[in-house]
Amino acid sequence: TVIIVMQRVELSSLPLAHCTLITDTTLVHAATFMPSLTSADLRRSAVTGLGLSAFAKACPHLTSLDVSGCHGVTDFAVTRVSMLCKGLLSLRLANCTRLGDDSADAIT
């Protein structure tokens, strides 16, 4: 099932865990219409660091974000998320294989 968002919606949560067809393009497109998001579960999606950075810019009110198992997530993206989403309380990064010490520095 494909859902194309074409108008603003007042969602606070975006549960897309294990949706392997969610890419940077679809995530960023959807995020531009959902600026009030506070929670996103993107576990094991195809989102990369580039998409995650743009997503954080479009959704600065995130308090909870799970990108566990997203192998394209990078240190740069985690740094951007921490800078853009000032109210972030929970960030799950388990099994994000491209992360190093820079991510740890950004979130501490």
C-alpha atoms as a PDB file:
ATOM      1  CA  THR A   1       0.000   0.000   0.000  1.00  0.00           C
ATOM      2  CA  VAL A   2       1.320   3.418  -0.951  1.00  0.00           C
ATOM      3  CA  ILE A   3       0.026   6.564   0.708  1.00  0.00           C
ATOM      4  CA  ILE A   4       0.779   9.911  -0.851  1.00  0.00           C
ATOM      5  CA  VAL A   5       0.257  12.875   1.445  1.00  0.00           C
ATOM      6  CA  MET A   6      -0.706  16.032  -0.406  1.00  0.00           C
ATOM      7  CA  GLN A   7      -1.976  18.262   2.391  1.00  0.00           C
ATOM      8  CA  ARG A   8      -0.985  19.124   5.952  1.00  0.00           C
ATOM      9  CA  VAL A   9      -2.102  16.619   8.543  1.00  0.00           C
ATOM     10  CA  GLU A  10      -1.901  16.928  12.314  1.00  0.00           C
ATOM     11  CA  LEU A  11      -0.237  13.643  13.179  1.00  0.00           C
ATOM     12  CA  SER A  12       1.946  13.368  16.244  1.00  0.00           C
ATOM     13  CA  SER A  13       3.277   9.864  15.593  1.00  0.00           C
ATOM     14  CA  LEU A  14       4.611   8.150  12.486  1.00  0.00           C
ATOM     15  CA  PRO A  15       4.889   4.362  13.039  1.00  0.00           C
ATOM     16  CA  LEU A  16       6.722   2.987   9.999  1.00  0.00           C
ATOM     17  CA  ALA A  17       8.877   0.270  11.547  1.00  0.00           C
ATOM     18  CA  HIS A  18       9.879  -2.510   9.138  1.00  0.00           C
ATOM     19  CA  CYS A  19       8.493  -0.627   6.114  1.00  0.00           C
ATOM     20  CA  THR A  20      11.413  -1.354   3.815  1.00  0.00           C
ATOM     21  CA  LEU A  21       9.910   0.680   0.980  1.00  0.00           C
ATOM     22  CA  ILE A  22      10.180   3.907   2.991  1.00  0.00           C
ATOM     23  CA  THR A  23      13.072   5.769   1.395  1.00  0.00           C
ATOM     24  CA  ASP A  24      14.577   9.211   1.856  1.00  0.00           C
ATOM     25  CA  THR A  25      12.328  10.624  -0.839  1.00  0.00           C
ATOM     26  CA  THR A  26       9.067   9.299   0.592  1.00  0.00           C
ATOM     27  CA  LEU A  27      10.013  10.207   4.157  1.00  0.00           C
ATOM     28  CA  VAL A  28      11.005  13.779   3.358  1.00  0.00           C
ATOM     29  CA  HIS A  29       7.945  14.302   1.168  1.00  0.00           C
ATOM     30  CA  ALA A  30       5.637  13.094   3.925  1.00  0.00           C
ATOM     31  CA  ALA A  31       7.467  15.103   6.598  1.00  0.00           C
ATOM     32  CA  THR A  32       6.865  18.392   4.808  1.00  0.00           C
ATOM     33  CA  PHE A  33       3.143  17.846   5.378  1.00  0.00           C
ATOM     34  CA  MET A  34       3.505  16.695   9.009  1.00  0.00           C
ATOM     35  CA  PRO A  35       5.412  19.424  10.874  1.00  0.00           C
ATOM     36  CA  SER A  36       3.725  18.576  14.194  1.00  0.00           C
ATOM     37  CA  LEU A  37       5.264  15.107  14.451  1.00  0.00           C
ATOM     38  CA  THR A  38       6.741  14.352  17.848  1.00  0.00           C
ATOM     39  CA  SER A  39       7.485  10.651  17.401  1.00  0.00           C
ATOM     40  CA  ALA A  40       8.766   8.571  14.488  1.00  0.00           C
ATOM     41  CA  ASP A  41       9.542   4.857  14.385  1.00  0.00           C
ATOM     42  CA  LEU A  42      11.592   4.201  11.258  1.00  0.00           C
ATOM     43  CA  ARG A  43      13.257   0.959  12.363  1.00  0.00           C
ATOM     44  CA  ARG A  44      14.645  -1.124   9.519  1.00  0.00           C
ATOM     45  CA  SER A  45      13.521   1.244   6.782  1.00  0.00           C
ATOM     46  CA  ALA A  46      15.671   2.259   3.824  1.00  0.00           C
ATOM     47  CA  VAL A  47      16.248   5.761   5.202  1.00  0.00           C
ATOM     48  CA  THR A  48      19.806   7.076   4.919  1.00  0.00           C
ATOM     49  CA  GLY A  49      21.649   9.889   6.626  1.00  0.00           C
ATOM     50  CA  LEU A  50      20.627  12.350   3.946  1.00  0.00           C
ATOM     51  CA  GLY A  51      16.931  11.601   4.365  1.00  0.00           C
ATOM     52  CA  LEU A  52      17.144  11.615   8.139  1.00  0.00           C
ATOM     53  CA  SER A  53      18.809  15.041   8.118  1.00  0.00           C
ATOM     54  CA  ALA A  54      16.070  16.479   5.918  1.00  0.00           C
ATOM     55  CA  PHE A  55      13.408  14.770   8.033  1.00  0.00           C
ATOM     56  CA  ALA A  56      14.785  16.377  11.202  1.00  0.00           C
ATOM     57  CA  LYS A  57      14.742  19.778   9.524  1.00  0.00           C
ATOM     58  CA  ALA A  58      11.094  19.327   8.485  1.00  0.00           C
ATOM     59  CA  CYS A  59      10.048  17.940  11.892  1.00  0.00           C
ATOM     60  CA  PRO A  60      11.922  19.933  14.567  1.00  0.00           C
ATOM     61  CA  HIS A  61       9.438  18.993  17.317  1.00  0.00           C
ATOM     62  CA  LEU A  62      10.494  15.349  17.487  1.00  0.00           C
ATOM     63  CA  THR A  63      10.872  14.033  21.025  1.00  0.00           C
ATOM     64  CA  SER A  64      11.281  10.365  20.107  1.00  0.00           C
ATOM     65  CA  LEU A  65      13.028   8.838  17.098  1.00  0.00           C
ATOM     66  CA  ASP A  66      13.903   5.211  16.409  1.00  0.00           C
ATOM     67  CA  VAL A  67      16.126   4.453  13.417  1.00  0.00           C
ATOM     68  CA  SER A  68      17.479   1.141  14.718  1.00  0.00           C
ATOM     69  CA  GLY A  69      18.627  -1.114  11.924  1.00  0.00           C
ATOM     70  CA  CYS A  70      18.777   1.687   9.358  1.00  0.00           C
ATOM     71  CA  HIS A  71      22.192   0.915   7.911  1.00  0.00           C
ATOM     72  CA  GLY A  72      22.398   4.168   5.938  1.00  0.00           C
ATOM     73  CA  VAL A  73      22.249   6.434   8.995  1.00  0.00           C
ATOM     74  CA  THR A  74      25.501   8.349   9.466  1.00  0.00           C
ATOM     75  CA  ASP A  75      27.265  10.375  12.150  1.00  0.00           C
ATOM     76  CA  PHE A  76      26.453  13.542  10.207  1.00  0.00           C
ATOM     77  CA  ALA A  77      22.725  12.723  10.298  1.00  0.00           C
ATOM     78  CA  VAL A  78      22.745  12.025  14.030  1.00  0.00           C
ATOM     79  CA  THR A  79      24.560  15.320  14.608  1.00  0.00           C
ATOM     80  CA  ARG A  80      21.949  17.160  12.500  1.00  0.00           C
ATOM     81  CA  VAL A  81      19.085  15.487  14.384  1.00  0.00           C
ATOM     82  CA  SER A  82      20.578  16.515  17.718  1.00  0.00           C
ATOM     83  CA  MET A  83      21.023  20.110  16.508  1.00  0.00           C
ATOM     84  CA  LEU A  84      17.611  20.486  14.843  1.00  0.00           C
ATOM     85  CA  CYS A  85      15.394  18.578  17.277  1.00  0.00           C
ATOM     86  CA  LYS A  86      16.169  20.355  20.546  1.00  0.00           C
ATOM     87  CA  GLY A  87      13.378  18.567  22.450  1.00  0.00           C
ATOM     88  CA  LEU A  88      14.549  15.065  21.552  1.00  0.00           C
ATOM     89  CA  LEU A  89      14.305  12.813  24.609  1.00  0.00           C
ATOM     90  CA  SER A  90      14.736   9.384  23.032  1.00  0.00           C
ATOM     91  CA  LEU A  91      16.961   8.435  20.095  1.00  0.00           C
ATOM     92  CA  ARG A  92      17.376   4.754  19.296  1.00  0.00           C
ATOM     93  CA  LEU A  93      20.321   3.823  17.094  1.00  0.00           C
ATOM     94  CA  ALA A  94      20.787   0.066  17.657  1.00  0.00           C
ATOM     95  CA  ASN A  95      22.394  -1.760  14.738  1.00  0.00           C
ATOM     96  CA  CYS A  96      23.131   1.418  12.762  1.00  0.00           C
ATOM     97  CA  THR A  97      26.421   0.090  11.451  1.00  0.00           C
ATOM     98  CA  ARG A  98      27.834   3.331  10.014  1.00  0.00           C
ATOM     99  CA  LEU A  99      27.940   5.218  13.310  1.00  0.00           C
ATOM    100  CA  GLY A 100      31.101   6.088  15.190  1.00  0.00           C
ATOM    101  CA  ASP A 101      32.293   8.309  17.995  1.00  0.00           C
ATOM    102  CA  ASP A 102      30.965  11.491  16.379  1.00  0.00           C
ATOM    103  CA  SER A 103      27.391  10.331  17.005  1.00  0.00           C
ATOM    104  CA  ALA A 104      28.108   9.691  20.651  1.00  0.00           C
ATOM    105  CA  ASP A 105      29.654  13.160  20.976  1.00  0.00           C
ATOM    106  CA  ALA A 106      26.650  14.791  19.309  1.00  0.00           C
ATOM    107  CA  ILE A 107      24.056  13.295  21.639  1.00  0.00           C
ATOM    108  CA  THR A 108      25.875  13.684  24.950  1.00  0.00           C
END
